[in-house]
Amino acid sequence: MFFSKRTQQIRRILIVEDEPLLAFDTEHALQQAGYEVVATVDRFRDADAVILGKGAVDLVITDIRLTGVRSGIELARHARELGIAVLFATANCPPDARDQGIALGWIAKPFQPRDLVRAIAICERLVSGLPAGRLPAPLTVFPQG
């Protein structure tokens, strides 16, 4: 019997983070893991320009609080409307972000690079319709429906 490797669903990632050092560390960790970081921005407006301009974003990793007026929750809602998966990366995920079905889950800051890479692998499983499996400690998966 032949076993085929599943096609990778998440390759191109947009990072939306307003803390420069954390943004840099996240970008570096993802590139080291073989992901393509499409862009790293700190506000809704810039993220929207990337999504609409460059296209082909498979996953948005966003903080809840962003530079500017609009939040990561609004960005997540917008991305999901466009069929793009979202993972929140924040120290405290408010209940309204969890209940709206707009994100796959939440990775709590601070997190280790290996936990972020594992969280993305779990997002990959969820996007593919598979169960999440074992979660790293800082990851919470939201009910999918």
C-alpha atoms as a PDB file:
ATOM      1  CA  MET A   1       0.000   0.000   0.000  1.00  0.00           C
ATOM      2  CA  PHE A   2       1.293   3.441  -0.870  1.00  0.00           C
ATOM      3  CA  PHE A   3       0.976   6.341   1.509  1.00  0.00           C
ATOM      4  CA  SER A   4       0.908   9.786   0.032  1.00  0.00           C
ATOM      5  CA  LYS A   5       1.863  12.902   1.848  1.00  0.00           C
ATOM      6  CA  ARG A   6      -0.997  15.345   2.233  1.00  0.00           C
ATOM      7  CA  THR A   7      -0.728  18.587   0.340  1.00  0.00           C
ATOM      8  CA  GLN A   8       0.349  21.353   2.669  1.00  0.00           C
ATOM      9  CA  GLN A   9      -2.554  23.771   3.153  1.00  0.00           C
ATOM     10  CA  ILE A  10      -0.645  26.466   5.048  1.00  0.00           C
ATOM     11  CA  ARG A  11       2.509  27.792   3.417  1.00  0.00           C
ATOM     12  CA  ARG A  12       2.121  31.573   3.155  1.00  0.00           C
ATOM     13  CA  ILE A  13       1.622  33.426   6.434  1.00  0.00           C
ATOM     14  CA  LEU A  14       0.823  37.052   7.267  1.00  0.00           C
ATOM     15  CA  ILE A  15       2.006  38.219  10.703  1.00  0.00           C
ATOM     16  CA  VAL A  16       0.135  41.124  12.292  1.00  0.00           C
ATOM     17  CA  GLU A  17       1.929  42.160  15.465  1.00  0.00           C
ATOM     18  CA  ASP A  18       2.510  45.582  17.043  1.00  0.00           C
ATOM     19  CA  GLU A  19       5.488  44.551  19.223  1.00  0.00           C
ATOM     20  CA  PRO A  20       8.544  44.824  16.919  1.00  0.00           C
ATOM     21  CA  LEU A  21      10.770  42.333  18.737  1.00  0.00           C
ATOM     22  CA  LEU A  22       8.039  39.703  18.909  1.00  0.00           C
ATOM     23  CA  ALA A  23       7.182  40.325  15.247  1.00  0.00           C
ATOM     24  CA  PHE A  24      10.826  39.784  14.283  1.00  0.00           C
ATOM     25  CA  ASP A  25      11.138  36.615  16.385  1.00  0.00           C
ATOM     26  CA  THR A  26       7.912  35.204  14.948  1.00  0.00           C
ATOM     27  CA  GLU A  27       8.973  35.942  11.386  1.00  0.00           C
ATOM     28  CA  HIS A  28      12.372  34.350  11.946  1.00  0.00           C
ATOM     29  CA  ALA A  29      10.914  31.212  13.561  1.00  0.00           C
ATOM     30  CA  LEU A  30       8.442  30.710  10.727  1.00  0.00           C
ATOM     31  CA  GLN A  31      11.055  31.195   8.024  1.00  0.00           C
ATOM     32  CA  GLN A  32      13.347  28.720   9.808  1.00  0.00           C
ATOM     33  CA  ALA A  33      10.458  26.219   9.813  1.00  0.00           C
ATOM     34  CA  GLY A  34      10.061  26.593   6.041  1.00  0.00           C
ATOM     35  CA  TYR A  35       7.031  28.875   5.880  1.00  0.00           C
ATOM     36  CA  GLU A  36       6.886  31.890   3.607  1.00  0.00           C
ATOM     37  CA  VAL A  37       6.149  35.047   5.561  1.00  0.00           C
ATOM     38  CA  VAL A  38       4.249  37.197   3.072  1.00  0.00           C
ATOM     39  CA  ALA A  39       4.578  40.295   5.266  1.00  0.00           C
ATOM     40  CA  THR A  40       4.838  41.460   8.859  1.00  0.00           C
ATOM     41  CA  VAL A  41       2.681  44.476   9.653  1.00  0.00           C
ATOM     42  CA  ASP A  42       1.236  46.133  12.740  1.00  0.00           C
ATOM     43  CA  ARG A  43      -2.166  47.504  11.734  1.00  0.00           C
ATOM     44  CA  PHE A  44      -5.430  46.424  10.111  1.00  0.00           C
ATOM     45  CA  ARG A  45      -5.026  48.768   7.140  1.00  0.00           C
ATOM     46  CA  ASP A  46      -1.626  47.338   6.201  1.00  0.00           C
ATOM     47  CA  ALA A  47      -2.792  43.753   6.701  1.00  0.00           C
ATOM     48  CA  ASP A  48      -5.795  44.372   4.474  1.00  0.00           C
ATOM     49  CA  ALA A  49      -3.542  45.815   1.763  1.00  0.00           C
ATOM     50  CA  VAL A  50      -1.370  42.691   1.892  1.00  0.00           C
ATOM     51  CA  ILE A  51      -4.349  40.331   1.778  1.00  0.00           C
ATOM     52  CA  LEU A  52      -5.988  42.150  -1.108  1.00  0.00           C
ATOM     53  CA  GLY A  53      -2.790  43.096  -2.933  1.00  0.00           C
ATOM     54  CA  LYS A  54      -0.543  40.049  -2.700  1.00  0.00           C
ATOM     55  CA  GLY A  55      -3.271  37.502  -2.210  1.00  0.00           C
ATOM     56  CA  ALA A  56      -2.517  33.860  -1.545  1.00  0.00           C
ATOM     57  CA  VAL A  57      -2.281  34.227   2.229  1.00  0.00           C
ATOM     58  CA  ASP A  58      -3.040  30.869   3.843  1.00  0.00           C
ATOM     59  CA  LEU A  59      -2.942  31.933   7.491  1.00  0.00           C
ATOM     60  CA  VAL A  60      -3.077  35.220   9.365  1.00  0.00           C
ATOM     61  CA  ILE A  61      -1.421  35.223  12.782  1.00  0.00           C
ATOM     62  CA  THR A  62      -2.683  38.329  14.538  1.00  0.00           C
ATOM     63  CA  ASP A  63      -2.565  39.964  17.920  1.00  0.00           C
ATOM     64  CA  ILE A  64      -5.853  41.329  19.281  1.00  0.00           C
ATOM     65  CA  ARG A  65      -4.506  44.816  19.959  1.00  0.00           C
ATOM     66  CA  LEU A  66      -3.002  46.436  16.891  1.00  0.00           C
ATOM     67  CA  THR A  67      -1.583  49.834  16.055  1.00  0.00           C
ATOM     68  CA  GLY A  68      -4.392  52.090  14.864  1.00  0.00           C
ATOM     69  CA  VAL A  69      -8.115  52.064  15.454  1.00  0.00           C
ATOM     70  CA  ARG A  70      -9.158  48.604  14.251  1.00  0.00           C
ATOM     71  CA  SER A  71      -8.476  45.420  16.189  1.00  0.00           C
ATOM     72  CA  GLY A  72      -7.231  41.952  15.445  1.00  0.00           C
ATOM     73  CA  ILE A  73     -10.780  40.695  15.991  1.00  0.00           C
ATOM     74  CA  GLU A  74     -11.978  42.886  13.132  1.00  0.00           C
ATOM     75  CA  LEU A  75      -9.072  41.660  11.009  1.00  0.00           C
ATOM     76  CA  ALA A  76      -9.918  38.037  11.819  1.00  0.00           C
ATOM     77  CA  ARG A  77     -13.540  38.569  10.821  1.00  0.00           C
ATOM     78  CA  HIS A  78     -12.420  40.188   7.539  1.00  0.00           C
ATOM     79  CA  ALA A  79      -9.907  37.413   6.777  1.00  0.00           C
ATOM     80  CA  ARG A  80     -12.451  34.654   7.476  1.00  0.00           C
ATOM     81  CA  GLU A  81     -14.926  36.336   5.104  1.00  0.00           C
ATOM     82  CA  LEU A  82     -12.216  35.954   2.452  1.00  0.00           C
ATOM     83  CA  GLY A  83     -11.676  32.291   3.354  1.00  0.00           C
ATOM     84  CA  ILE A  84      -8.344  32.817   5.118  1.00  0.00           C
ATOM     85  CA  ALA A  85      -7.574  30.906   8.313  1.00  0.00           C
ATOM     86  CA  VAL A  86      -6.714  32.937  11.419  1.00  0.00           C
ATOM     87  CA  LEU A  87      -4.756  32.214  14.593  1.00  0.00           C
ATOM     88  CA  PHE A  88      -4.751  34.768  17.399  1.00  0.00           C
ATOM     89  CA  ALA A  89      -1.420  35.391  19.150  1.00  0.00           C
ATOM     90  CA  THR A  90      -2.141  37.380  22.274  1.00  0.00           C
ATOM     91  CA  ALA A  91      -1.491  37.393  26.014  1.00  0.00           C
ATOM     92  CA  ASN A  92      -5.202  37.363  26.824  1.00  0.00           C
ATOM     93  CA  CYS A  93      -7.888  36.325  24.383  1.00  0.00           C
ATOM     94  CA  PRO A  94     -11.187  38.046  25.189  1.00  0.00           C
ATOM     95  CA  PRO A  95     -14.369  35.951  25.212  1.00  0.00           C
ATOM     96  CA  ASP A  96     -15.854  37.793  22.217  1.00  0.00           C
ATOM     97  CA  ALA A  97     -12.903  36.646  20.076  1.00  0.00           C
ATOM     98  CA  ARG A  98     -13.442  33.029  21.108  1.00  0.00           C
ATOM     99  CA  ASP A  99     -17.173  32.874  20.549  1.00  0.00           C
ATOM    100  CA  GLN A 100     -17.431  34.226  17.035  1.00  0.00           C
ATOM    101  CA  GLY A 101     -15.946  31.309  15.089  1.00  0.00           C
ATOM    102  CA  ILE A 102     -13.612  33.691  13.299  1.00  0.00           C
ATOM    103  CA  ALA A 103     -10.337  32.049  14.326  1.00  0.00           C
ATOM    104  CA  LEU A 104      -9.033  28.513  14.583  1.00  0.00           C
ATOM    105  CA  GLY A 105      -7.600  29.219  18.008  1.00  0.00           C
ATOM    106  CA  TRP A 106      -5.322  31.242  20.209  1.00  0.00           C
ATOM    107  CA  ILE A 107      -1.668  30.881  21.146  1.00  0.00           C
ATOM    108  CA  ALA A 108      -0.871  32.643  24.409  1.00  0.00           C
ATOM    109  CA  LYS A 109       2.070  35.022  24.586  1.00  0.00           C
ATOM    110  CA  PRO A 110       4.807  34.564  25.451  1.00  0.00           C
ATOM    111  CA  PHE A 111       5.322  31.355  23.473  1.00  0.00           C
ATOM    112  CA  GLN A 112       8.316  29.383  22.319  1.00  0.00           C
ATOM    113  CA  PRO A 113       9.049  29.180  18.574  1.00  0.00           C
ATOM    114  CA  ARG A 114       8.561  25.388  18.621  1.00  0.00           C
ATOM    115  CA  ASP A 115       5.091  25.871  20.131  1.00  0.00           C
ATOM    116  CA  LEU A 116       4.181  28.330  17.377  1.00  0.00           C
ATOM    117  CA  VAL A 117       5.335  25.912  14.683  1.00  0.00           C
ATOM    118  CA  ARG A 118       3.354  23.119  16.355  1.00  0.00           C
ATOM    119  CA  ALA A 119       0.305  25.408  16.574  1.00  0.00           C
ATOM    120  CA  ILE A 120       0.507  26.036  12.835  1.00  0.00           C
ATOM    121  CA  ALA A 121       0.710  22.275  12.226  1.00  0.00           C
ATOM    122  CA  ILE A 122      -2.492  21.932  14.256  1.00  0.00           C
ATOM    123  CA  CYS A 123      -4.099  24.740  12.243  1.00  0.00           C
ATOM    124  CA  GLU A 124      -3.118  22.739   9.158  1.00  0.00           C
ATOM    125  CA  ARG A 125      -4.958  19.705  10.546  1.00  0.00           C
ATOM    126  CA  LEU A 126      -8.045  21.774  11.347  1.00  0.00           C
ATOM    127  CA  VAL A 127      -8.093  23.378   7.885  1.00  0.00           C
ATOM    128  CA  SER A 128      -7.851  19.872   6.401  1.00  0.00           C
ATOM    129  CA  GLY A 129     -10.851  18.741   8.462  1.00  0.00           C
ATOM    130  CA  LEU A 130      -8.813  16.523  10.791  1.00  0.00           C
ATOM    131  CA  PRO A 131      -8.913  16.503  14.593  1.00  0.00           C
ATOM    132  CA  ALA A 132      -6.401  18.781  16.275  1.00  0.00           C
ATOM    133  CA  GLY A 133      -4.516  16.076  18.144  1.00  0.00           C
ATOM    134  CA  ARG A 134      -2.262  16.882  21.093  1.00  0.00           C
ATOM    135  CA  LEU A 135      -1.988  20.621  21.736  1.00  0.00           C
ATOM    136  CA  PRO A 136       1.108  22.460  22.965  1.00  0.00           C
ATOM    137  CA  ALA A 137       0.487  24.129  26.340  1.00  0.00           C
ATOM    138  CA  PRO A 138       0.033  27.723  25.072  1.00  0.00           C
ATOM    139  CA  LEU A 139      -2.506  26.771  22.352  1.00  0.00           C
ATOM    140  CA  THR A 140      -6.273  26.789  22.717  1.00  0.00           C
ATOM    141  CA  VAL A 141      -8.337  25.538  19.796  1.00  0.00           C
ATOM    142  CA  PHE A 142     -11.785  27.032  19.323  1.00  0.00           C
ATOM    143  CA  PRO A 143     -14.814  24.910  18.400  1.00  0.00           C
ATOM    144  CA  GLN A 144     -15.039  24.578  14.622  1.00  0.00           C
ATOM    145  CA  GLY A 145     -18.412  24.670  13.033  1.00  0.00           C
END
